[in-house]
Full PDB file with SEQRES, HELIX, SHEET, SSBOND, CRYST1, ORIGX, SCALE, CONECT and MASTER records, all heavy atoms in Angstrom:
SEQRES   1 A   44  ALA VAL LEU ALA VAL LEU LEU GLY VAL ASN ILE GLY PRO          
SEQRES   2 A   44  ASN LEU THR TYR ALA GLY SER LEU ALA THR LEU LEU TRP          
SEQRES   3 A   44  ARG ARG ILE VAL ARG GLU HIS ASP THR ASP VAL ASP LEU          
SEQRES   4 A   44  GLY GLU PHE THR ARG                                          
HELIX    1 AA1 VAL A    2  ILE A   11  1                                  10    
HELIX    2 AA2 GLY A   12  LEU A   15  5                                   4    
HELIX    3 AA3 TYR A   17  GLY A   19  5                                   3    
HELIX    4 AA4 LEU A   21  GLU A   32  1                                  12    
HELIX    5 AA5 LEU A   39  THR A   43  1                                   5    
CRYST1    1.000    1.000    1.000  90.00  90.00  90.00 P 1           1          
ORIGX1      1.000000  0.000000  0.000000        0.00000                         
ORIGX2      0.000000  1.000000  0.000000        0.00000                         
ORIGX3      0.000000  0.000000  1.000000        0.00000                         
SCALE1      1.000000  0.000000  0.000000        0.00000                         
SCALE2      0.000000  1.000000  0.000000        0.00000                         
SCALE3      0.000000  0.000000  1.000000        0.00000                         
ATOM      1  N   ALA A   1     124.281 -90.404  73.503  1.00  0.00           N  
ATOM      2  CA  ALA A   1     124.182 -91.717  72.866  1.00  0.00           C  
ATOM      3  C   ALA A   1     124.055 -92.818  73.911  1.00  0.00           C  
ATOM      4  O   ALA A   1     123.297 -93.784  73.737  1.00  0.00           O  
ATOM      5  CB  ALA A   1     125.399 -91.958  71.981  1.00  0.00           C  
ATOM      6  N   VAL A   2     124.792 -92.690  75.016  1.00  0.00           N  
ATOM      7  CA  VAL A   2     124.710 -93.675  76.089  1.00  0.00           C  
ATOM      8  C   VAL A   2     123.297 -93.714  76.670  1.00  0.00           C  
ATOM      9  O   VAL A   2     122.730 -94.791  76.910  1.00  0.00           O  
ATOM     10  CB  VAL A   2     125.736 -93.348  77.198  1.00  0.00           C  
ATOM     11  CG1 VAL A   2     125.481 -94.200  78.448  1.00  0.00           C  
ATOM     12  CG2 VAL A   2     127.152 -93.577  76.687  1.00  0.00           C  
ATOM     13  N   LEU A   3     122.701 -92.555  76.882  1.00  0.00           N  
ATOM     14  CA  LEU A   3     121.346 -92.499  77.436  1.00  0.00           C  
ATOM     15  C   LEU A   3     120.310 -92.996  76.431  1.00  0.00           C  
ATOM     16  O   LEU A   3     119.272 -93.546  76.828  1.00  0.00           O  
ATOM     17  CB  LEU A   3     121.026 -91.077  77.881  1.00  0.00           C  
ATOM     18  CG  LEU A   3     121.897 -90.536  79.018  1.00  0.00           C  
ATOM     19  CD1 LEU A   3     121.482 -89.124  79.398  1.00  0.00           C  
ATOM     20  CD2 LEU A   3     121.851 -91.446  80.239  1.00  0.00           C  
ATOM     21  N   ALA A   4     120.570 -92.833  75.139  1.00  0.00           N  
ATOM     22  CA  ALA A   4     119.663 -93.401  74.132  1.00  0.00           C  
ATOM     23  C   ALA A   4     119.680 -94.921  74.186  1.00  0.00           C  
ATOM     24  O   ALA A   4     118.636 -95.578  74.048  1.00  0.00           O  
ATOM     25  CB  ALA A   4     120.056 -92.907  72.737  1.00  0.00           C  
ATOM     26  N   VAL A   5     120.869 -95.494  74.396  1.00  0.00           N  
ATOM     27  CA  VAL A   5     120.951 -96.944  74.613  1.00  0.00           C  
ATOM     28  C   VAL A   5     120.096 -97.341  75.805  1.00  0.00           C  
ATOM     29  O   VAL A   5     119.350 -98.331  75.769  1.00  0.00           O  
ATOM     30  CB  VAL A   5     122.414 -97.377  74.829  1.00  0.00           C  
ATOM     31  CG1 VAL A   5     122.477 -98.831  75.312  1.00  0.00           C  
ATOM     32  CG2 VAL A   5     123.226 -97.221  73.551  1.00  0.00           C  
ATOM     33  N   LEU A   6     120.193 -96.558  76.860  1.00  0.00           N  
ATOM     34  CA  LEU A   6     119.445 -96.870  78.079  1.00  0.00           C  
ATOM     35  C   LEU A   6     117.943 -96.829  77.837  1.00  0.00           C  
ATOM     36  O   LEU A   6     117.200 -97.680  78.350  1.00  0.00           O  
ATOM     37  CB  LEU A   6     119.840 -95.882  79.180  1.00  0.00           C  
ATOM     38  CG  LEU A   6     119.331 -96.200  80.580  1.00  0.00           C  
ATOM     39  CD1 LEU A   6     119.843 -97.557  81.034  1.00  0.00           C  
ATOM     40  CD2 LEU A   6     119.760 -95.119  81.561  1.00  0.00           C  
ATOM     41  N   LEU A   7     117.483 -95.871  77.071  1.00  0.00           N  
ATOM     42  CA  LEU A   7     116.055 -95.828  76.744  1.00  0.00           C  
ATOM     43  C   LEU A   7     115.633 -97.104  76.025  1.00  0.00           C  
ATOM     44  O   LEU A   7     114.574 -97.682  76.316  1.00  0.00           O  
ATOM     45  CB  LEU A   7     115.751 -94.617  75.861  1.00  0.00           C  
ATOM     46  CG  LEU A   7     115.885 -93.228  76.492  1.00  0.00           C  
ATOM     47  CD1 LEU A   7     115.576 -92.149  75.458  1.00  0.00           C  
ATOM     48  CD2 LEU A   7     114.976 -93.079  77.696  1.00  0.00           C  
ATOM     49  N   GLY A   8     116.446 -97.553  75.090  1.00  0.00           N  
ATOM     50  CA  GLY A   8     116.106 -98.759  74.348  1.00  0.00           C  
ATOM     51  C   GLY A   8     116.077-100.006  75.207  1.00  0.00           C  
ATOM     52  O   GLY A   8     115.153-100.822  75.096  1.00  0.00           O  
ATOM     53  N   VAL A   9     117.065-100.170  76.091  1.00  0.00           N  
ATOM     54  CA  VAL A   9     117.147-101.406  76.885  1.00  0.00           C  
ATOM     55  C   VAL A   9     116.218-101.382  78.087  1.00  0.00           C  
ATOM     56  O   VAL A   9     115.973-102.433  78.695  1.00  0.00           O  
ATOM     57  CB  VAL A   9     118.598-101.683  77.347  1.00  0.00           C  
ATOM     58  CG1 VAL A   9     119.517-101.883  76.154  1.00  0.00           C  
ATOM     59  CG2 VAL A   9     119.123-100.574  78.254  1.00  0.00           C  
ATOM     60  N   ASN A  10     115.681-100.202  78.446  1.00  0.00           N  
ATOM     61  CA  ASN A  10     114.737-100.151  79.567  1.00  0.00           C  
ATOM     62  C   ASN A  10     113.280-100.172  79.115  1.00  0.00           C  
ATOM     63  O   ASN A  10     112.444-100.812  79.753  1.00  0.00           O  
ATOM     64  CB  ASN A  10     114.987 -98.894  80.404  1.00  0.00           C  
ATOM     65  CG  ASN A  10     116.188 -99.025  81.325  1.00  0.00           C  
ATOM     66  OD1 ASN A  10     116.968 -99.965  81.199  1.00  0.00           O  
ATOM     67  ND2 ASN A  10     116.354 -98.088  82.231  1.00  0.00           N  
ATOM     68  N   ILE A  11     112.969 -99.486  78.035  1.00  0.00           N  
ATOM     69  CA  ILE A  11     111.587 -99.478  77.543  1.00  0.00           C  
ATOM     70  C   ILE A  11     111.320-100.680  76.628  1.00  0.00           C  
ATOM     71  O   ILE A  11     110.263-101.306  76.696  1.00  0.00           O  
ATOM     72  CB  ILE A  11     111.292 -98.164  76.788  1.00  0.00           C  
ATOM     73  CG1 ILE A  11     111.403 -96.969  77.742  1.00  0.00           C  
ATOM     74  CG2 ILE A  11     109.906 -98.201  76.156  1.00  0.00           C  
ATOM     75  CD1 ILE A  11     111.260 -95.620  77.061  1.00  0.00           C  
ATOM     76  N   GLY A  12     112.300-101.026  75.806  1.00  0.00           N  
ATOM     77  CA  GLY A  12     112.142-102.116  74.841  1.00  0.00           C  
ATOM     78  C   GLY A  12     111.714-103.449  75.422  1.00  0.00           C  
ATOM     79  O   GLY A  12     110.893-104.158  74.807  1.00  0.00           O  
ATOM     80  N   PRO A  13     112.218-103.854  76.605  1.00  0.00           N  
ATOM     81  CA  PRO A  13     111.861-105.174  77.139  1.00  0.00           C  
ATOM     82  C   PRO A  13     110.384-105.380  77.440  1.00  0.00           C  
ATOM     83  O   PRO A  13     109.979-106.522  77.678  1.00  0.00           O  
ATOM     84  CB  PRO A  13     112.696-105.243  78.432  1.00  0.00           C  
ATOM     85  CG  PRO A  13     113.876-104.391  78.160  1.00  0.00           C  
ATOM     86  CD  PRO A  13     113.340-103.255  77.339  1.00  0.00           C  
ATOM     87  N   ASN A  14     109.575-104.333  77.437  1.00  0.00           N  
ATOM     88  CA  ASN A  14     108.139-104.535  77.657  1.00  0.00           C  
ATOM     89  C   ASN A  14     107.455-105.204  76.471  1.00  0.00           C  
ATOM     90  O   ASN A  14     106.265-105.501  76.520  1.00  0.00           O  
ATOM     91  CB  ASN A  14     107.457-103.188  77.939  1.00  0.00           C  
ATOM     92  CG  ASN A  14     107.699-102.704  79.352  1.00  0.00           C  
ATOM     93  OD1 ASN A  14     107.850-103.500  80.267  1.00  0.00           O  
ATOM     94  ND2 ASN A  14     107.755-101.395  79.530  1.00  0.00           N  
ATOM     95  N   LEU A  15     108.218-105.472  75.423  1.00  0.00           N  
ATOM     96  CA  LEU A  15     107.641-106.098  74.236  1.00  0.00           C  
ATOM     97  C   LEU A  15     107.554-107.613  74.358  1.00  0.00           C  
ATOM     98  O   LEU A  15     106.613-108.238  73.868  1.00  0.00           O  
ATOM     99  CB  LEU A  15     108.469-105.731  73.001  1.00  0.00           C  
ATOM    100  CG  LEU A  15     107.934-106.146  71.641  1.00  0.00           C  
ATOM    101  CD1 LEU A  15     106.556-105.556  71.390  1.00  0.00           C  
ATOM    102  CD2 LEU A  15     108.901-105.714  70.545  1.00  0.00           C  
ATOM    103  N   THR A  16     108.526-108.251  75.031  1.00  0.00           N  
ATOM    104  CA  THR A  16     108.559-109.712  75.128  1.00  0.00           C  
ATOM    105  C   THR A  16     108.890-110.146  76.552  1.00  0.00           C  
ATOM    106  O   THR A  16     109.479-109.391  77.326  1.00  0.00           O  
ATOM    107  CB  THR A  16     109.615-110.315  74.188  1.00  0.00           C  
ATOM    108  OG1 THR A  16     110.915-109.890  74.603  1.00  0.00           O  
ATOM    109  CG2 THR A  16     109.377-109.902  72.751  1.00  0.00           C  
ATOM    110  N   TYR A  17     108.537-111.390  76.869  1.00  0.00           N  
ATOM    111  CA  TYR A  17     108.859-111.949  78.184  1.00  0.00           C  
ATOM    112  C   TYR A  17     110.359-111.921  78.459  1.00  0.00           C  
ATOM    113  O   TYR A  17     110.800-111.645  79.565  1.00  0.00           O  
ATOM    114  CB  TYR A  17     108.406-113.416  78.263  1.00  0.00           C  
ATOM    115  CG  TYR A  17     106.931-113.623  78.435  1.00  0.00           C  
ATOM    116  CD1 TYR A  17     106.330-114.777  77.950  1.00  0.00           C  
ATOM    117  CD2 TYR A  17     106.125-112.689  79.073  1.00  0.00           C  
ATOM    118  CE1 TYR A  17     104.965-115.005  78.102  1.00  0.00           C  
ATOM    119  CE2 TYR A  17     104.759-112.901  79.225  1.00  0.00           C  
ATOM    120  CZ  TYR A  17     104.194-114.066  78.735  1.00  0.00           C  
ATOM    121  OH  TYR A  17     102.854-114.279  78.889  1.00  0.00           O  
ATOM    122  N   ALA A  18     111.153-112.272  77.441  1.00  0.00           N  
ATOM    123  CA  ALA A  18     112.585-112.464  77.642  1.00  0.00           C  
ATOM    124  C   ALA A  18     113.374-111.165  77.576  1.00  0.00           C  
ATOM    125  O   ALA A  18     114.592-111.175  77.683  1.00  0.00           O  
ATOM    126  CB  ALA A  18     113.130-113.444  76.602  1.00  0.00           C  
ATOM    127  N   GLY A  19     112.684-110.029  77.431  1.00  0.00           N  
ATOM    128  CA  GLY A  19     113.399-108.775  77.264  1.00  0.00           C  
ATOM    129  C   GLY A  19     114.203-108.357  78.470  1.00  0.00           C  
ATOM    130  O   GLY A  19     115.253-107.733  78.340  1.00  0.00           O  
ATOM    131  N   SER A  20     113.712-108.667  79.667  1.00  0.00           N  
ATOM    132  CA  SER A  20     114.450-108.317  80.885  1.00  0.00           C  
ATOM    133  C   SER A  20     114.240-109.393  81.932  1.00  0.00           C  
ATOM    134  O   SER A  20     113.204-110.076  81.957  1.00  0.00           O  
ATOM    135  CB  SER A  20     114.003-106.957  81.430  1.00  0.00           C  
ATOM    136  OG  SER A  20     112.747-107.047  82.064  1.00  0.00           O  
ATOM    137  N   LEU A  21     115.211-109.513  82.820  1.00  0.00           N  
ATOM    138  CA  LEU A  21     115.101-110.477  83.916  1.00  0.00           C  
ATOM    139  C   LEU A  21     113.964-110.090  84.852  1.00  0.00           C  
ATOM    140  O   LEU A  21     113.326-110.950  85.458  1.00  0.00           O  
ATOM    141  CB  LEU A  21     116.424-110.536  84.684  1.00  0.00           C  
ATOM    142  CG  LEU A  21     117.614-111.095  83.896  1.00  0.00           C  
ATOM    143  CD1 LEU A  21     118.889-110.973  84.725  1.00  0.00           C  
ATOM    144  CD2 LEU A  21     117.376-112.537  83.498  1.00  0.00           C  
ATOM    145  N   ALA A  22     113.692-108.785  84.984  1.00  0.00           N  
ATOM    146  CA  ALA A  22     112.610-108.332  85.858  1.00  0.00           C  
ATOM    147  C   ALA A  22     111.265-108.872  85.377  1.00  0.00           C  
ATOM    148  O   ALA A  22     110.428-109.292  86.183  1.00  0.00           O  
ATOM    149  CB  ALA A  22     112.582-106.805  85.902  1.00  0.00           C  
ATOM    150  N   THR A  23     111.043-108.879  84.061  1.00  0.00           N  
ATOM    151  CA  THR A  23     109.786-109.386  83.522  1.00  0.00           C  
ATOM    152  C   THR A  23     109.644-110.882  83.776  1.00  0.00           C  
ATOM    153  O   THR A  23     108.559-111.371  84.106  1.00  0.00           O  
ATOM    154  CB  THR A  23     109.697-109.098  82.012  1.00  0.00           C  
ATOM    155  OG1 THR A  23     109.864-107.703  81.795  1.00  0.00           O  
ATOM    156  CG2 THR A  23     108.360-109.535  81.452  1.00  0.00           C  
ATOM    157  N   LEU A  24     110.738-111.609  83.636  1.00  0.00           N  
ATOM    158  CA  LEU A  24     110.705-113.048  83.910  1.00  0.00           C  
ATOM    159  C   LEU A  24     110.377-113.315  85.372  1.00  0.00           C  
ATOM    160  O   LEU A  24     109.597-114.211  85.706  1.00  0.00           O  
ATOM    161  CB  LEU A  24     112.054-113.679  83.540  1.00  0.00           C  
ATOM    162  CG  LEU A  24     112.432-113.615  82.057  1.00  0.00           C  
ATOM    163  CD1 LEU A  24     113.865-114.072  81.863  1.00  0.00           C  
ATOM    164  CD2 LEU A  24     111.487-114.463  81.227  1.00  0.00           C  
ATOM    165  N   LEU A  25     110.974-112.520  86.257  1.00  0.00           N  
ATOM    166  CA  LEU A  25     110.709-112.674  87.684  1.00  0.00           C  
ATOM    167  C   LEU A  25     109.265-112.308  88.000  1.00  0.00           C  
ATOM    168  O   LEU A  25     108.591-112.990  88.784  1.00  0.00           O  
ATOM    169  CB  LEU A  25     111.679-111.790  88.476  1.00  0.00           C  
ATOM    170  CG  LEU A  25     111.567-111.833  89.997  1.00  0.00           C  
ATOM    171  CD1 LEU A  25     111.731-113.255  90.511  1.00  0.00           C  
ATOM    172  CD2 LEU A  25     112.607-110.919  90.629  1.00  0.00           C  
ATOM    173  N   TRP A  26     108.762-111.260  87.380  1.00  0.00           N  
ATOM    174  CA  TRP A  26     107.360-110.850  87.572  1.00  0.00           C  
ATOM    175  C   TRP A  26     106.415-111.962  87.153  1.00  0.00           C  
ATOM    176  O   TRP A  26     105.415-112.226  87.826  1.00  0.00           O  
ATOM    177  CB  TRP A  26     107.110-109.594  86.750  1.00  0.00           C  
ATOM    178  CG  TRP A  26     105.672-109.179  86.660  1.00  0.00           C  
ATOM    179  CD1 TRP A  26     104.968-108.452  87.573  1.00  0.00           C  
ATOM    180  CD2 TRP A  26     104.758-109.459  85.584  1.00  0.00           C  
ATOM    181  NE1 TRP A  26     103.676-108.257  87.126  1.00  0.00           N  
ATOM    182  CE2 TRP A  26     103.530-108.867  85.912  1.00  0.00           C  
ATOM    183  CE3 TRP A  26     104.876-110.142  84.375  1.00  0.00           C  
ATOM    184  CZ2 TRP A  26     102.416-108.940  85.069  1.00  0.00           C  
ATOM    185  CZ3 TRP A  26     103.777-110.222  83.544  1.00  0.00           C  
ATOM    186  CH2 TRP A  26     102.552-109.628  83.897  1.00  0.00           C  
ATOM    187  N   ARG A  27     106.743-112.617  86.051  1.00  0.00           N  
ATOM    188  CA  ARG A  27     105.869-113.686  85.565  1.00  0.00           C  
ATOM    189  C   ARG A  27     105.788-114.829  86.573  1.00  0.00           C  
ATOM    190  O   ARG A  27     104.715-115.406  86.796  1.00  0.00           O  
ATOM    191  CB  ARG A  27     106.394-114.195  84.220  1.00  0.00           C  
ATOM    192  CG  ARG A  27     105.440-115.130  83.496  1.00  0.00           C  
ATOM    193  CD  ARG A  27     106.057-115.617  82.216  1.00  0.00           C  
ATOM    194  NE  ARG A  27     105.181-116.543  81.531  1.00  0.00           N  
ATOM    195  CZ  ARG A  27     105.568-117.357  80.551  1.00  0.00           C  
ATOM    196  NH1 ARG A  27     106.822-117.311  80.140  1.00  0.00           N  
ATOM    197  NH2 ARG A  27     104.724-118.173  79.970  1.00  0.00           N  
ATOM    198  N   ARG A  28     106.919-115.149  87.217  1.00  0.00           N  
ATOM    199  CA  ARG A  28     106.902-116.204  88.235  1.00  0.00           C  
ATOM    200  C   ARG A  28     106.055-115.795  89.434  1.00  0.00           C  
ATOM    201  O   ARG A  28     105.319-116.610  89.998  1.00  0.00           O  
ATOM    202  CB  ARG A  28     108.342-116.524  88.680  1.00  0.00           C  
ATOM    203  CG  ARG A  28     109.137-117.290  87.648  1.00  0.00           C  
ATOM    204  CD  ARG A  28     110.294-118.042  88.292  1.00  0.00           C  
ATOM    205  NE  ARG A  28     111.305-117.137  88.812  1.00  0.00           N  
ATOM    206  CZ  ARG A  28     112.328-116.666  88.108  1.00  0.00           C  
ATOM    207  NH1 ARG A  28     112.460-117.002  86.839  1.00  0.00           N  
ATOM    208  NH2 ARG A  28     113.218-115.873  88.658  1.00  0.00           N  
ATOM    209  N   ILE A  29     106.131-114.522  89.822  1.00  0.00           N  
ATOM    210  CA  ILE A  29     105.344-114.043  90.960  1.00  0.00           C  
ATOM    211  C   ILE A  29     103.859-114.088  90.637  1.00  0.00           C  
ATOM    212  O   ILE A  29     103.033-114.470  91.473  1.00  0.00           O  
ATOM    213  CB  ILE A  29     105.790-112.617  91.340  1.00  0.00           C  
ATOM    214  CG1 ILE A  29     107.204-112.657  91.917  1.00  0.00           C  
ATOM    215  CG2 ILE A  29     104.826-111.989  92.348  1.00  0.00           C  
ATOM    216  CD1 ILE A  29     107.814-111.302  92.144  1.00  0.00           C  
ATOM    217  N   VAL A  30     103.495-113.721  89.416  1.00  0.00           N  
ATOM    218  CA  VAL A  30     102.096-113.768  88.998  1.00  0.00           C  
ATOM    219  C   VAL A  30     101.566-115.200  89.070  1.00  0.00           C  
ATOM    220  O   VAL A  30     100.441-115.441  89.538  1.00  0.00           O  
ATOM    221  CB  VAL A  30     101.953-113.194  87.567  1.00  0.00           C  
ATOM    222  CG1 VAL A  30     100.573-113.506  86.995  1.00  0.00           C  
ATOM    223  CG2 VAL A  30     102.189-111.687  87.575  1.00  0.00           C  
ATOM    224  N   ARG A  31     102.371-116.149  88.638  1.00  0.00           N  
ATOM    225  CA  ARG A  31     101.936-117.552  88.682  1.00  0.00           C  
ATOM    226  C   ARG A  31     101.777-118.041  90.114  1.00  0.00           C  
ATOM    227  O   ARG A  31     100.918-118.881  90.411  1.00  0.00           O  
ATOM    228  CB  ARG A  31     102.953-118.423  87.934  1.00  0.00           C  
ATOM    229  CG  ARG A  31     102.841-118.304  86.421  1.00  0.00           C  
ATOM    230  CD  ARG A  31     103.881-119.144  85.710  1.00  0.00           C  
ATOM    231  NE  ARG A  31     103.645-119.190  84.281  1.00  0.00           N  
ATOM    232  CZ  ARG A  31     104.459-119.777  83.419  1.00  0.00           C  
ATOM    233  NH1 ARG A  31     105.586-120.346  83.847  1.00  0.00           N  
ATOM    234  NH2 ARG A  31     104.178-119.789  82.125  1.00  0.00           N  
ATOM    235  N   GLU A  32     102.593-117.519  91.013  1.00  0.00           N  
ATOM    236  CA  GLU A  32     102.465-117.897  92.427  1.00  0.00           C  
ATOM    237  C   GLU A  32     101.138-117.427  93.008  1.00  0.00           C  
ATOM    238  O   GLU A  32     100.693-117.935  94.036  1.00  0.00           O  
ATOM    239  CB  GLU A  32     103.626-117.304  93.232  1.00  0.00           C  
ATOM    240  CG  GLU A  32     104.971-117.973  92.944  1.00  0.00           C  
ATOM    241  CD  GLU A  32     106.132-117.248  93.601  1.00  0.00           C  
ATOM    242  OE1 GLU A  32     105.871-116.230  94.299  1.00  0.00           O  
ATOM    243  OE2 GLU A  32     107.282-117.677  93.429  1.00  0.00           O  
ATOM    244  N   HIS A  33     100.502-116.453  92.381  1.00  0.00           N  
ATOM    245  CA  HIS A  33      99.198-115.962  92.828  1.00  0.00           C  
ATOM    246  C   HIS A  33      98.072-116.576  92.000  1.00  0.00           C  
ATOM    247  O   HIS A  33      96.986-115.979  91.852  1.00  0.00           O  
ATOM    248  CB  HIS A  33      99.149-114.436  92.728  1.00  0.00           C  
ATOM    249  CG  HIS A  33      99.948-113.743  93.789  1.00  0.00           C  
ATOM    250  ND1 HIS A  33     101.324-113.621  93.728  1.00  0.00           N  
ATOM    251  CD2 HIS A  33      99.571-113.149  94.959  1.00  0.00           C  
ATOM    252  CE1 HIS A  33     101.754-112.967  94.790  1.00  0.00           C  
ATOM    253  NE2 HIS A  33     100.724-112.682  95.549  1.00  0.00           N  
ATOM    254  N   ASP A  34      98.326-117.760  91.460  1.00  0.00           N  
ATOM    255  CA  ASP A  34      97.322-118.524  90.708  1.00  0.00           C  
ATOM    256  C   ASP A  34      96.753-117.737  89.533  1.00  0.00           C  
ATOM    257  O   ASP A  34      95.556-117.813  89.212  1.00  0.00           O  
ATOM    258  CB  ASP A  34      96.176-118.965  91.632  1.00  0.00           C  
ATOM    259  CG  ASP A  34      96.658-119.893  92.727  1.00  0.00           C  
ATOM    260  OD1 ASP A  34      97.539-120.726  92.443  1.00  0.00           O  
ATOM    261  OD2 ASP A  34      96.179-119.761  93.868  1.00  0.00           O  
ATOM    262  N   THR A  35      97.618-116.969  88.908  1.00  0.00           N  
ATOM    263  CA  THR A  35      97.235-116.190  87.724  1.00  0.00           C  
ATOM    264  C   THR A  35      98.268-116.461  86.642  1.00  0.00           C  
ATOM    265  O   THR A  35      99.444-116.642  86.942  1.00  0.00           O  
ATOM    266  CB  THR A  35      97.202-114.681  88.042  1.00  0.00           C  
ATOM    267  OG1 THR A  35      96.335-114.463  89.154  1.00  0.00           O  
ATOM    268  CG2 THR A  35      96.699-113.877  86.850  1.00  0.00           C  
ATOM    269  N   ASP A  36      97.837-116.503  85.413  1.00  0.00           N  
ATOM    270  CA  ASP A  36      98.784-116.687  84.314  1.00  0.00           C  
ATOM    271  C   ASP A  36      98.686-115.500  83.368  1.00  0.00           C  
ATOM    272  O   ASP A  36      97.681-114.790  83.335  1.00  0.00           O  
ATOM    273  CB  ASP A  36      98.502-117.987  83.549  1.00  0.00           C  
ATOM    274  CG  ASP A  36      99.752-118.493  82.835  1.00  0.00           C  
ATOM    275  OD1 ASP A  36     100.797-117.810  82.887  1.00  0.00           O  
ATOM    276  OD2 ASP A  36      99.683-119.569  82.206  1.00  0.00           O  
ATOM    277  N   VAL A  37      99.731-115.320  82.604  1.00  0.00           N  
ATOM    278  CA  VAL A  37      99.801-114.206  81.667  1.00  0.00           C  
ATOM    279  C   VAL A  37      99.711-114.771  80.260  1.00  0.00           C  
ATOM    280  O   VAL A  37     100.482-115.656  79.885  1.00  0.00           O  
ATOM    281  CB  VAL A  37     101.117-113.432  81.836  1.00  0.00           C  
ATOM    282  CG1 VAL A  37     101.169-112.264  80.852  1.00  0.00           C  
ATOM    283  CG2 VAL A  37     101.265-112.927  83.264  1.00  0.00           C  
ATOM    284  N   ASP A  38      98.751-114.267  79.504  1.00  0.00           N  
ATOM    285  CA  ASP A  38      98.584-114.719  78.130  1.00  0.00           C  
ATOM    286  C   ASP A  38      99.651-114.067  77.253  1.00  0.00           C  
ATOM    287  O   ASP A  38      99.798-112.838  77.232  1.00  0.00           O  
ATOM    288  CB  ASP A  38      97.192-114.339  77.633  1.00  0.00           C  
ATOM    289  CG  ASP A  38      96.968-114.775  76.196  1.00  0.00           C  
ATOM    290  OD1 ASP A  38      96.884-115.990  75.953  1.00  0.00           O  
ATOM    291  OD2 ASP A  38      96.911-113.887  75.323  1.00  0.00           O  
ATOM    292  N   LEU A  39     100.405-114.904  76.525  1.00  0.00           N  
ATOM    293  CA  LEU A  39     101.497-114.392  75.699  1.00  0.00           C  
ATOM    294  C   LEU A  39     100.985-113.414  74.643  1.00  0.00           C  
ATOM    295  O   LEU A  39     101.588-112.362  74.402  1.00  0.00           O  
ATOM    296  CB  LEU A  39     102.228-115.562  75.022  1.00  0.00           C  
ATOM    297  CG  LEU A  39     103.332-115.181  74.025  1.00  0.00           C  
ATOM    298  CD1 LEU A  39     104.430-114.386  74.720  1.00  0.00           C  
ATOM    299  CD2 LEU A  39     103.904-116.442  73.376  1.00  0.00           C  
ATOM    300  N   GLY A  40      99.857-113.752  74.016  1.00  0.00           N  
ATOM    301  CA  GLY A  40      99.309-112.873  72.997  1.00  0.00           C  
ATOM    302  C   GLY A  40      98.930-111.518  73.559  1.00  0.00           C  
ATOM    303  O   GLY A  40      99.198-110.471  72.953  1.00  0.00           O  
ATOM    304  N   GLU A  41      98.289-111.523  74.718  1.00  0.00           N  
ATOM    305  CA  GLU A  41      97.880-110.271  75.350  1.00  0.00           C  
ATOM    306  C   GLU A  41      99.102-109.441  75.749  1.00  0.00           C  
ATOM    307  O   GLU A  41      99.142-108.220  75.528  1.00  0.00           O  
ATOM    308  CB  GLU A  41      97.031-110.568  76.580  1.00  0.00           C  
ATOM    309  CG  GLU A  41      96.523-109.332  77.300  1.00  0.00           C  
ATOM    310  CD  GLU A  41      95.663-109.698  78.490  1.00  0.00           C  
ATOM    311  OE1 GLU A  41      96.217-110.264  79.470  1.00  0.00           O  
ATOM    312  OE2 GLU A  41      94.443-109.408  78.459  1.00  0.00           O  
ATOM    313  N   PHE A  42     100.102-110.092  76.320  1.00  0.00           N  
ATOM    314  CA  PHE A  42     101.330-109.391  76.718  1.00  0.00           C  
ATOM    315  C   PHE A  42     101.984-108.741  75.507  1.00  0.00           C  
ATOM    316  O   PHE A  42     102.416-107.581  75.563  1.00  0.00           O  
ATOM    317  CB  PHE A  42     102.290-110.384  77.377  1.00  0.00           C  
ATOM    318  CG  PHE A  42     103.507-109.742  77.997  1.00  0.00           C  
ATOM    319  CD1 PHE A  42     103.537-109.440  79.341  1.00  0.00           C  
ATOM    320  CD2 PHE A  42     104.621-109.441  77.234  1.00  0.00           C  
ATOM    321  CE1 PHE A  42     104.651-108.844  79.926  1.00  0.00           C  
ATOM    322  CE2 PHE A  42     105.741-108.842  77.787  1.00  0.00           C  
ATOM    323  CZ  PHE A  42     105.753-108.547  79.145  1.00  0.00           C  
ATOM    324  N   THR A  43     102.042-109.476  74.409  1.00  0.00           N  
ATOM    325  CA  THR A  43     102.695-108.961  73.204  1.00  0.00           C  
ATOM    326  C   THR A  43     101.893-107.839  72.561  1.00  0.00           C  
ATOM    327  O   THR A  43     102.456-106.836  72.106  1.00  0.00           O  
ATOM    328  CB  THR A  43     102.912-110.102  72.198  1.00  0.00           C  
ATOM    329  OG1 THR A  43     103.642-111.163  72.835  1.00  0.00           O  
ATOM    330  CG2 THR A  43     103.699-109.621  70.995  1.00  0.00           C  
ATOM    331  N   ARG A  44     100.571-107.985  72.524  1.00  0.00           N  
ATOM    332  CA  ARG A  44      99.736-106.923  71.948  1.00  0.00           C  
ATOM    333  C   ARG A  44      99.897-105.624  72.725  1.00  0.00           C  
ATOM    334  O   ARG A  44     100.023-104.539  72.138  1.00  0.00           O  
ATOM    335  CB  ARG A  44      98.264-107.343  71.936  1.00  0.00           C  
ATOM    336  CG  ARG A  44      97.899-108.392  70.898  1.00  0.00           C  
ATOM    337  CD  ARG A  44      96.397-108.487  70.695  1.00  0.00           C  
ATOM    338  NE  ARG A  44      95.678-108.739  71.945  1.00  0.00           N  
ATOM    339  CZ  ARG A  44      95.479-109.941  72.467  1.00  0.00           C  
ATOM    340  NH1 ARG A  44      95.954-111.016  71.841  1.00  0.00           N  
ATOM    341  NH2 ARG A  44      94.796-110.093  73.591  1.00  0.00           N  
TER     342      ARG A  44                                                      
MASTER        0    0    0    5    0    0    0    6  341    1    0    4          
END                                                                             
């Protein structure tokens, strides 16, 4: 059951920007390279 929780909290955050701190940090790095991430594309 503990590992099932882990699957949810590690794979699930790829659905939204706010799902994990790593995704938020990645988004800032992408912007530093003069690139932006489209919210619709990320969500799809």
